[in-house]
Amino acid sequence: MSQLLADNWILLVIALIVGLVVAWYLFRSNRRTHVTGASRDVLDDGAERAQRNSALVDAPPAASKDPSPVPRQPAAVAPAGADDDLTRIKGVGPKLAATLHELGVTSFTQIAAWDDAEIERVDAQLGRFQGRIRRDDWTGQARFLAEGDSAGFKHKYGAGG
């Protein structure tokens, strides 16, 4: 092995230098900042530092992530004492059931009566669970459960419910 190194040391040095040059080029190219656009600052117009700070303070706030948040309101008024176990609906776990209760949804009858507008409104408030209402067909499941049709529910959605 040492004989091999002694015979080819010049090739190893050249390979090391080429490797260092390539690494330097790669790291150097990643640090470049490319300025695109022609945004101007008040300092470009000859303004004093105090004027610039005043302009920054008086500027309108940046747009928020969601400019028009949907207010949380009850989906539909549930009949008194009609709290169903919403976790019987496939795709609704304890956390989603708690969120639905916060929104005023407590019964299968309410969910079964949802139209497209109501589904969109509630879905917009489910956070990371958005899309579950249609994907898991909550309204269809809720119809079977509200009617007490366990056989129909099992036939269409499998065991459970």
N, C-alpha and C. Protein backbone atom coordinates (compact mmCIF):
# COMPACT_ATOMS: atom_id res chain seq x y z
N MET A 1 0.82 -1.19 0.00
CA MET A 1 0.00 0.00 0.00
C MET A 1 0.87 1.26 0.00
N SER A 2 1.90 1.29 0.84
CA SER A 2 2.77 2.46 0.90
C SER A 2 3.55 2.62 -0.41
N GLN A 3 3.87 1.49 -1.07
CA GLN A 3 4.56 1.56 -2.37
C GLN A 3 3.64 2.20 -3.41
N LEU A 4 2.35 1.85 -3.36
CA LEU A 4 1.36 2.42 -4.27
C LEU A 4 1.25 3.93 -4.07
N LEU A 5 1.22 4.38 -2.82
CA LEU A 5 1.16 5.80 -2.51
C LEU A 5 2.42 6.52 -2.98
N ALA A 6 3.57 5.90 -2.77
CA ALA A 6 4.84 6.51 -3.17
C ALA A 6 4.92 6.66 -4.69
N ASP A 7 4.38 5.69 -5.41
CA ASP A 7 4.43 5.74 -6.87
C ASP A 7 3.44 6.76 -7.46
N ASN A 8 2.32 6.98 -6.79
CA ASN A 8 1.24 7.82 -7.35
C ASN A 8 0.96 9.06 -6.51
N TRP A 9 1.91 9.56 -5.73
CA TRP A 9 1.65 10.70 -4.87
C TRP A 9 1.29 11.95 -5.65
N ILE A 10 1.86 12.10 -6.82
CA ILE A 10 1.56 13.29 -7.61
C ILE A 10 0.09 13.31 -8.05
N LEU A 11 -0.46 12.14 -8.40
CA LEU A 11 -1.87 12.05 -8.78
C LEU A 11 -2.78 12.35 -7.59
N LEU A 12 -2.40 11.90 -6.41
CA LEU A 12 -3.18 12.16 -5.21
C LEU A 12 -3.20 13.65 -4.88
N VAL A 13 -2.07 14.33 -5.02
CA VAL A 13 -2.01 15.76 -4.75
C VAL A 13 -2.87 16.52 -5.75
N ILE A 14 -2.82 16.15 -7.02
CA ILE A 14 -3.63 16.81 -8.05
C ILE A 14 -5.12 16.59 -7.76
N ALA A 15 -5.50 15.39 -7.39
CA ALA A 15 -6.90 15.08 -7.08
C ALA A 15 -7.36 15.89 -5.87
N LEU A 16 -6.51 16.04 -4.86
CA LEU A 16 -6.85 16.82 -3.67
C LEU A 16 -7.04 18.30 -4.04
N ILE A 17 -6.17 18.84 -4.86
CA ILE A 17 -6.28 20.24 -5.27
C ILE A 17 -7.55 20.46 -6.08
N VAL A 18 -7.85 19.55 -7.01
CA VAL A 18 -9.07 19.66 -7.81
C VAL A 18 -10.29 19.59 -6.89
N GLY A 19 -10.29 18.70 -5.92
CA GLY A 19 -11.40 18.59 -4.98
C GLY A 19 -11.60 19.86 -4.18
N LEU A 20 -10.52 20.46 -3.70
CA LEU A 20 -10.61 21.71 -2.95
C LEU A 20 -11.13 22.85 -3.81
N VAL A 21 -10.70 22.92 -5.06
CA VAL A 21 -11.18 23.97 -5.96
C VAL A 21 -12.67 23.80 -6.22
N VAL A 22 -13.12 22.59 -6.45
CA VAL A 22 -14.54 22.34 -6.70
C VAL A 22 -15.36 22.69 -5.45
N ALA A 23 -14.90 22.28 -4.27
CA ALA A 23 -15.61 22.59 -3.03
C ALA A 23 -15.68 24.09 -2.81
N TRP A 24 -14.57 24.81 -3.04
CA TRP A 24 -14.57 26.26 -2.87
C TRP A 24 -15.57 26.90 -3.83
N TYR A 25 -15.59 26.45 -5.06
CA TYR A 25 -16.51 27.01 -6.05
C TYR A 25 -17.97 26.78 -5.64
N LEU A 26 -18.29 25.58 -5.17
CA LEU A 26 -19.66 25.26 -4.77
C LEU A 26 -20.11 26.11 -3.58
N PHE A 27 -19.26 26.20 -2.55
CA PHE A 27 -19.63 26.98 -1.37
C PHE A 27 -19.70 28.47 -1.69
N ARG A 28 -18.82 28.95 -2.52
CA ARG A 28 -18.80 30.36 -2.88
C ARG A 28 -20.04 30.72 -3.69
N SER A 29 -20.48 29.88 -4.60
CA SER A 29 -21.63 30.19 -5.45
C SER A 29 -22.93 30.19 -4.66
N ASN A 30 -23.03 29.44 -3.58
CA ASN A 30 -24.25 29.39 -2.78
C ASN A 30 -24.43 30.64 -1.93
N ARG A 31 -23.38 31.39 -1.70
CA ARG A 31 -23.47 32.56 -0.83
C ARG A 31 -23.79 33.84 -1.59
N ARG A 32 -23.85 33.79 -2.85
CA ARG A 32 -24.13 35.00 -3.62
C ARG A 32 -25.59 35.38 -3.49
N THR A 33 -25.82 36.65 -3.34
CA THR A 33 -27.18 37.17 -3.28
C THR A 33 -27.45 37.90 -4.58
N HIS A 34 -28.50 37.51 -5.21
CA HIS A 34 -28.88 38.13 -6.47
C HIS A 34 -30.03 39.09 -6.20
N VAL A 35 -29.81 40.35 -6.44
CA VAL A 35 -30.83 41.36 -6.22
C VAL A 35 -31.60 41.53 -7.51
N THR A 36 -32.90 41.30 -7.42
CA THR A 36 -33.75 41.49 -8.58
C THR A 36 -34.81 42.50 -8.20
N GLY A 37 -35.20 43.28 -9.12
CA GLY A 37 -36.22 44.30 -8.85
C GLY A 37 -35.55 45.65 -8.63
N ALA A 38 -36.36 46.66 -8.59
CA ALA A 38 -35.83 48.00 -8.44
C ALA A 38 -36.53 48.72 -7.30
N SER A 39 -36.69 48.05 -6.16
CA SER A 39 -37.35 48.73 -5.04
C SER A 39 -36.42 49.81 -4.52
N ARG A 40 -37.01 50.92 -4.21
CA ARG A 40 -36.21 52.05 -3.76
C ARG A 40 -36.52 52.31 -2.29
N ASP A 41 -35.56 52.85 -1.62
CA ASP A 41 -35.66 53.18 -0.22
C ASP A 41 -35.66 54.70 -0.10
N VAL A 42 -36.18 55.23 0.99
CA VAL A 42 -36.18 56.68 1.15
C VAL A 42 -34.76 57.21 1.25
N LEU A 43 -33.81 56.36 1.67
CA LEU A 43 -32.42 56.80 1.72
C LEU A 43 -31.85 56.98 0.31
N ASP A 44 -32.39 56.23 -0.66
CA ASP A 44 -31.95 56.40 -2.04
C ASP A 44 -32.34 57.78 -2.57
N ASP A 45 -33.39 58.34 -2.01
CA ASP A 45 -33.85 59.66 -2.45
C ASP A 45 -33.18 60.78 -1.66
N GLY A 46 -32.20 60.46 -0.84
CA GLY A 46 -31.47 61.47 -0.08
C GLY A 46 -32.11 61.81 1.25
N ALA A 47 -33.02 61.00 1.74
CA ALA A 47 -33.67 61.29 3.01
C ALA A 47 -32.71 61.02 4.17
N GLU A 48 -32.93 61.70 5.24
CA GLU A 48 -32.12 61.49 6.44
C GLU A 48 -32.60 60.22 7.13
N ARG A 49 -31.77 59.70 8.01
CA ARG A 49 -32.08 58.47 8.74
C ARG A 49 -33.37 58.61 9.55
N ALA A 50 -33.62 59.75 10.15
CA ALA A 50 -34.84 59.94 10.94
C ALA A 50 -36.08 59.84 10.06
N GLN A 51 -36.02 60.37 8.84
CA GLN A 51 -37.15 60.26 7.92
C GLN A 51 -37.40 58.81 7.53
N ARG A 52 -36.32 58.07 7.34
CA ARG A 52 -36.46 56.66 6.97
C ARG A 52 -37.13 55.89 8.09
N ASN A 53 -36.68 56.11 9.33
CA ASN A 53 -37.28 55.41 10.47
C ASN A 53 -38.75 55.79 10.62
N SER A 54 -39.07 57.05 10.39
CA SER A 54 -40.45 57.50 10.47
C SER A 54 -41.30 56.79 9.42
N ALA A 55 -40.73 56.63 8.22
CA ALA A 55 -41.46 55.95 7.16
C ALA A 55 -41.72 54.49 7.52
N LEU A 56 -40.75 53.87 8.18
CA LEU A 56 -40.93 52.47 8.57
C LEU A 56 -41.96 52.34 9.68
N VAL A 57 -41.96 53.26 10.62
CA VAL A 57 -42.89 53.19 11.73
C VAL A 57 -44.31 53.47 11.26
N ASP A 58 -44.47 54.40 10.33
CA ASP A 58 -45.79 54.79 9.86
C ASP A 58 -46.35 53.86 8.79
N ALA A 59 -45.55 52.93 8.32
CA ALA A 59 -46.00 52.02 7.26
C ALA A 59 -47.11 51.12 7.79
N PRO A 60 -48.04 50.73 6.91
CA PRO A 60 -49.10 49.82 7.35
C PRO A 60 -48.51 48.46 7.72
N PRO A 61 -49.13 47.74 8.64
CA PRO A 61 -48.61 46.44 9.03
C PRO A 61 -48.63 45.46 7.86
N ALA A 62 -47.73 44.51 7.92
CA ALA A 62 -47.67 43.48 6.88
C ALA A 62 -48.94 42.66 6.90
N ALA A 63 -49.31 42.12 5.77
CA ALA A 63 -50.53 41.30 5.68
C ALA A 63 -50.39 40.08 6.55
N SER A 64 -51.44 39.74 7.25
CA SER A 64 -51.40 38.56 8.11
C SER A 64 -51.56 37.31 7.26
N LYS A 65 -51.33 36.16 7.87
CA LYS A 65 -51.41 34.88 7.17
C LYS A 65 -52.80 34.66 6.59
N ASP A 66 -53.81 34.95 7.36
CA ASP A 66 -55.19 34.80 6.91
C ASP A 66 -55.90 36.12 7.12
N PRO A 67 -56.05 36.93 6.06
CA PRO A 67 -56.60 38.27 6.24
C PRO A 67 -58.05 38.30 6.69
N SER A 68 -58.82 37.26 6.42
CA SER A 68 -60.22 37.26 6.84
C SER A 68 -60.53 35.96 7.57
N PRO A 69 -60.15 35.88 8.86
CA PRO A 69 -60.42 34.64 9.58
C PRO A 69 -61.92 34.39 9.71
N VAL A 70 -62.28 33.14 9.64
CA VAL A 70 -63.68 32.76 9.74
C VAL A 70 -64.04 32.69 11.22
N PRO A 71 -65.02 33.46 11.67
CA PRO A 71 -65.39 33.41 13.09
C PRO A 71 -66.00 32.06 13.44
N ARG A 72 -65.66 31.59 14.62
CA ARG A 72 -66.23 30.32 15.07
C ARG A 72 -67.63 30.58 15.58
N GLN A 73 -68.57 29.84 15.05
CA GLN A 73 -69.95 29.97 15.48
C GLN A 73 -70.60 28.60 15.40
N PRO A 74 -71.64 28.38 16.16
CA PRO A 74 -72.28 27.07 16.13
C PRO A 74 -72.78 26.74 14.73
N ALA A 75 -72.58 25.48 14.32
CA ALA A 75 -72.97 25.05 12.99
C ALA A 75 -74.49 25.06 12.84
N ALA A 76 -75.15 24.48 13.75
CA ALA A 76 -76.61 24.46 13.75
C ALA A 76 -77.02 24.19 15.19
N VAL A 77 -78.14 24.68 15.57
CA VAL A 77 -78.57 24.52 16.95
C VAL A 77 -79.01 23.07 17.16
N ALA A 78 -78.38 22.43 18.13
CA ALA A 78 -78.71 21.04 18.42
C ALA A 78 -79.86 20.99 19.42
N PRO A 79 -80.72 19.99 19.29
CA PRO A 79 -81.78 19.84 20.28
C PRO A 79 -81.17 19.58 21.66
N ALA A 80 -81.82 20.08 22.67
CA ALA A 80 -81.29 19.92 24.03
C ALA A 80 -81.16 18.45 24.38
N GLY A 81 -80.03 18.11 24.98
CA GLY A 81 -79.79 16.74 25.43
C GLY A 81 -79.50 15.76 24.30
N ALA A 82 -79.13 16.23 23.11
CA ALA A 82 -78.91 15.34 21.98
C ALA A 82 -77.43 15.17 21.69
N ASP A 83 -76.61 15.09 22.71
CA ASP A 83 -75.17 14.90 22.50
C ASP A 83 -74.89 13.46 22.10
N ASP A 84 -74.45 13.27 20.87
CA ASP A 84 -74.10 11.93 20.38
C ASP A 84 -72.60 11.74 20.52
N ASP A 85 -72.17 10.49 20.47
CA ASP A 85 -70.74 10.17 20.48
C ASP A 85 -70.22 10.32 19.06
N LEU A 86 -69.69 11.50 18.75
CA LEU A 86 -69.26 11.80 17.38
C LEU A 86 -68.09 10.94 16.94
N THR A 87 -67.39 10.30 17.87
CA THR A 87 -66.27 9.44 17.49
C THR A 87 -66.74 8.16 16.82
N ARG A 88 -68.05 7.90 16.82
CA ARG A 88 -68.57 6.74 16.09
C ARG A 88 -68.46 6.95 14.58
N ILE A 89 -68.35 8.20 14.14
CA ILE A 89 -68.16 8.49 12.72
C ILE A 89 -66.71 8.18 12.39
N LYS A 90 -66.51 7.36 11.36
CA LYS A 90 -65.15 7.00 10.96
C LYS A 90 -64.43 8.25 10.47
N GLY A 91 -63.22 8.47 11.03
CA GLY A 91 -62.44 9.65 10.69
C GLY A 91 -62.54 10.74 11.73
N VAL A 92 -63.40 10.55 12.74
CA VAL A 92 -63.53 11.53 13.83
C VAL A 92 -62.98 10.89 15.09
N GLY A 93 -61.87 11.40 15.53
CA GLY A 93 -61.27 10.94 16.78
C GLY A 93 -61.64 11.87 17.92
N PRO A 94 -61.07 11.64 19.08
CA PRO A 94 -61.39 12.48 20.24
C PRO A 94 -61.05 13.96 20.03
N LYS A 95 -59.94 14.24 19.38
CA LYS A 95 -59.54 15.64 19.17
C LYS A 95 -60.52 16.34 18.22
N LEU A 96 -60.88 15.67 17.13
CA LEU A 96 -61.84 16.26 16.19
C LEU A 96 -63.22 16.40 16.84
N ALA A 97 -63.59 15.43 17.65
CA ALA A 97 -64.89 15.52 18.33
C ALA A 97 -64.90 16.73 19.27
N ALA A 98 -63.80 16.98 19.97
CA ALA A 98 -63.72 18.14 20.85
C ALA A 98 -63.81 19.44 20.05
N THR A 99 -63.15 19.48 18.89
CA THR A 99 -63.22 20.66 18.03
C THR A 99 -64.64 20.88 17.54
N LEU A 100 -65.31 19.82 17.15
CA LEU A 100 -66.70 19.94 16.70
C LEU A 100 -67.60 20.42 17.82
N HIS A 101 -67.38 19.94 19.04
CA HIS A 101 -68.17 20.41 20.18
C HIS A 101 -67.95 21.90 20.41
N GLU A 102 -66.70 22.37 20.24
CA GLU A 102 -66.42 23.80 20.37
C GLU A 102 -67.19 24.61 19.33
N LEU A 103 -67.39 24.01 18.16
CA LEU A 103 -68.13 24.69 17.09
C LEU A 103 -69.64 24.56 17.26
N GLY A 104 -70.08 23.84 18.28
CA GLY A 104 -71.51 23.68 18.53
C GLY A 104 -72.11 22.46 17.86
N VAL A 105 -71.29 21.60 17.30
CA VAL A 105 -71.78 20.39 16.64
C VAL A 105 -71.73 19.26 17.65
N THR A 106 -72.92 18.75 18.03
CA THR A 106 -72.97 17.73 19.07
C THR A 106 -73.79 16.51 18.68
N SER A 107 -74.45 16.53 17.51
CA SER A 107 -75.32 15.40 17.19
C SER A 107 -75.14 14.96 15.74
N PHE A 108 -75.49 13.71 15.52
CA PHE A 108 -75.45 13.15 14.17
C PHE A 108 -76.47 13.87 13.26
N THR A 109 -77.59 14.26 13.83
CA THR A 109 -78.63 14.94 13.06
C THR A 109 -78.11 16.24 12.46
N GLN A 110 -77.32 16.99 13.25
CA GLN A 110 -76.74 18.23 12.74
C GLN A 110 -75.84 17.95 11.53
N ILE A 111 -74.97 16.97 11.67
CA ILE A 111 -74.01 16.66 10.61
C ILE A 111 -74.74 16.15 9.37
N ALA A 112 -75.76 15.32 9.58
CA ALA A 112 -76.51 14.77 8.45
C ALA A 112 -77.23 15.87 7.67
N ALA A 113 -77.54 16.98 8.32
CA ALA A 113 -78.28 18.07 7.67
C ALA A 113 -77.37 19.08 6.98
N TRP A 114 -76.06 18.92 7.05
CA TRP A 114 -75.13 19.89 6.45
C TRP A 114 -75.30 19.93 4.93
N ASP A 115 -75.33 21.14 4.38
CA ASP A 115 -75.28 21.31 2.93
C ASP A 115 -73.84 21.70 2.56
N ASP A 116 -73.59 21.94 1.27
CA ASP A 116 -72.22 22.25 0.81
C ASP A 116 -71.65 23.48 1.49
N ALA A 117 -72.46 24.51 1.66
CA ALA A 117 -71.99 25.76 2.29
C ALA A 117 -71.59 25.50 3.74
N GLU A 118 -72.39 24.73 4.45
CA GLU A 118 -72.09 24.44 5.85
C GLU A 118 -70.85 23.56 5.97
N ILE A 119 -70.70 22.61 5.05
CA ILE A 119 -69.51 21.76 5.05
C ILE A 119 -68.27 22.62 4.84
N GLU A 120 -68.32 23.56 3.89
CA GLU A 120 -67.19 24.44 3.63
C GLU A 120 -66.88 25.29 4.85
N ARG A 121 -67.90 25.83 5.51
CA ARG A 121 -67.69 26.68 6.66
C ARG A 121 -67.05 25.92 7.81
N VAL A 122 -67.55 24.74 8.11
CA VAL A 122 -66.99 23.95 9.21
C VAL A 122 -65.60 23.44 8.83
N ASP A 123 -65.45 23.01 7.59
CA ASP A 123 -64.16 22.47 7.13
C ASP A 123 -63.06 23.52 7.25
N ALA A 124 -63.38 24.78 7.00
CA ALA A 124 -62.40 25.86 7.08
C ALA A 124 -61.91 26.06 8.51
N GLN A 125 -62.64 25.56 9.49
CA GLN A 125 -62.28 25.74 10.89
C GLN A 125 -61.63 24.51 11.50
N LEU A 126 -61.39 23.48 10.70
CA LEU A 126 -60.84 22.23 11.24
C LEU A 126 -59.32 22.19 11.22
N GLY A 127 -58.67 23.23 10.74
CA GLY A 127 -57.20 23.28 10.76
C GLY A 127 -56.59 22.17 9.94
N ARG A 128 -55.72 21.38 10.58
CA ARG A 128 -55.02 20.33 9.84
C ARG A 128 -55.91 19.16 9.44
N PHE A 129 -57.15 19.18 9.91
CA PHE A 129 -58.09 18.12 9.55
C PHE A 129 -58.97 18.50 8.37
N GLN A 130 -58.66 19.60 7.70
CA GLN A 130 -59.48 20.04 6.57
C GLN A 130 -59.56 18.96 5.50
N GLY A 131 -60.73 18.83 4.92
CA GLY A 131 -60.95 17.85 3.86
C GLY A 131 -61.51 16.53 4.35
N ARG A 132 -61.49 16.32 5.67
CA ARG A 132 -61.95 15.04 6.21
C ARG A 132 -63.45 14.86 6.05
N ILE A 133 -64.21 15.94 6.08
CA ILE A 133 -65.68 15.82 6.04
C ILE A 133 -66.12 15.11 4.76
N ARG A 134 -65.60 15.57 3.62
CA ARG A 134 -65.99 14.95 2.35
C ARG A 134 -65.26 13.63 2.12
N ARG A 135 -63.98 13.61 2.46
CA ARG A 135 -63.18 12.41 2.21
C ARG A 135 -63.74 11.20 2.96
N ASP A 136 -64.18 11.41 4.20
CA ASP A 136 -64.71 10.30 5.00
C ASP A 136 -66.24 10.24 4.97
N ASP A 137 -66.89 11.11 4.19
CA ASP A 137 -68.35 11.14 4.03
C ASP A 137 -69.06 11.19 5.38
N TRP A 138 -68.74 12.22 6.16
CA TRP A 138 -69.35 12.35 7.48
C TRP A 138 -70.86 12.48 7.40
N THR A 139 -71.36 13.21 6.39
CA THR A 139 -72.81 13.40 6.31
C THR A 139 -73.53 12.08 6.04
N GLY A 140 -72.96 11.27 5.18
CA GLY A 140 -73.56 9.97 4.91
C GLY A 140 -73.54 9.07 6.13
N GLN A 141 -72.40 9.05 6.81
CA GLN A 141 -72.29 8.24 8.03
C GLN A 141 -73.28 8.74 9.08
N ALA A 142 -73.37 10.07 9.23
CA ALA A 142 -74.25 10.64 10.25
C ALA A 142 -75.71 10.33 9.96
N ARG A 143 -76.09 10.24 8.69
CA ARG A 143 -77.49 9.89 8.37
C ARG A 143 -77.83 8.50 8.90
N PHE A 144 -76.94 7.54 8.65
CA PHE A 144 -77.19 6.18 9.15
C PHE A 144 -77.23 6.18 10.68
N LEU A 145 -76.29 6.87 11.30
CA LEU A 145 -76.22 6.85 12.77
C LEU A 145 -77.39 7.60 13.39
N ALA A 146 -77.84 8.70 12.78
CA ALA A 146 -78.98 9.45 13.30
C ALA A 146 -80.26 8.64 13.22
N GLU A 147 -80.38 7.83 12.17
CA GLU A 147 -81.57 6.99 12.01
C GLU A 147 -81.48 5.71 12.82
N GLY A 148 -80.31 5.42 13.40
CA GLY A 148 -80.13 4.20 14.16
C GLY A 148 -79.99 2.97 13.28
N ASP A 149 -79.62 3.15 12.02
CA ASP A 149 -79.49 2.07 11.05
C ASP A 149 -78.07 1.48 11.10
N SER A 150 -77.82 0.67 12.12
CA SER A 150 -76.49 0.08 12.30
C SER A 150 -76.15 -0.89 11.17
N ALA A 151 -77.14 -1.63 10.69
CA ALA A 151 -76.90 -2.59 9.61
C ALA A 151 -76.49 -1.86 8.33
N GLY A 152 -77.19 -0.80 7.99
CA GLY A 152 -76.86 -0.02 6.80
C GLY A 152 -75.49 0.63 6.94
N PHE A 153 -75.17 1.11 8.14
CA PHE A 153 -73.88 1.72 8.39
C PHE A 153 -72.76 0.69 8.20
N LYS A 154 -72.94 -0.51 8.78
CA LYS A 154 -71.93 -1.56 8.66
C LYS A 154 -71.77 -1.99 7.23
N HIS A 155 -72.87 -2.08 6.49
CA HIS A 155 -72.82 -2.51 5.10
C HIS A 155 -72.03 -1.53 4.24
N LYS A 156 -72.26 -0.23 4.45
CA LYS A 156 -71.62 0.78 3.61
C LYS A 156 -70.23 1.18 4.11
N TYR A 157 -70.04 1.27 5.43
CA TYR A 157 -68.78 1.80 5.98
C TYR A 157 -67.98 0.79 6.77
N GLY A 158 -68.46 -0.42 6.87
CA GLY A 158 -67.72 -1.46 7.59
C GLY A 158 -68.10 -1.50 9.06
N ALA A 159 -67.42 -2.38 9.80
CA ALA A 159 -67.71 -2.57 11.23
C ALA A 159 -67.44 -1.28 11.98
N GLY A 160 -68.11 -1.10 13.07
CA GLY A 160 -67.97 0.10 13.90
C GLY A 160 -69.28 0.84 13.92
N GLY A 161 -69.24 2.07 14.40
CA GLY A 161 -70.44 2.90 14.42
C GLY A 161 -71.37 2.40 15.42
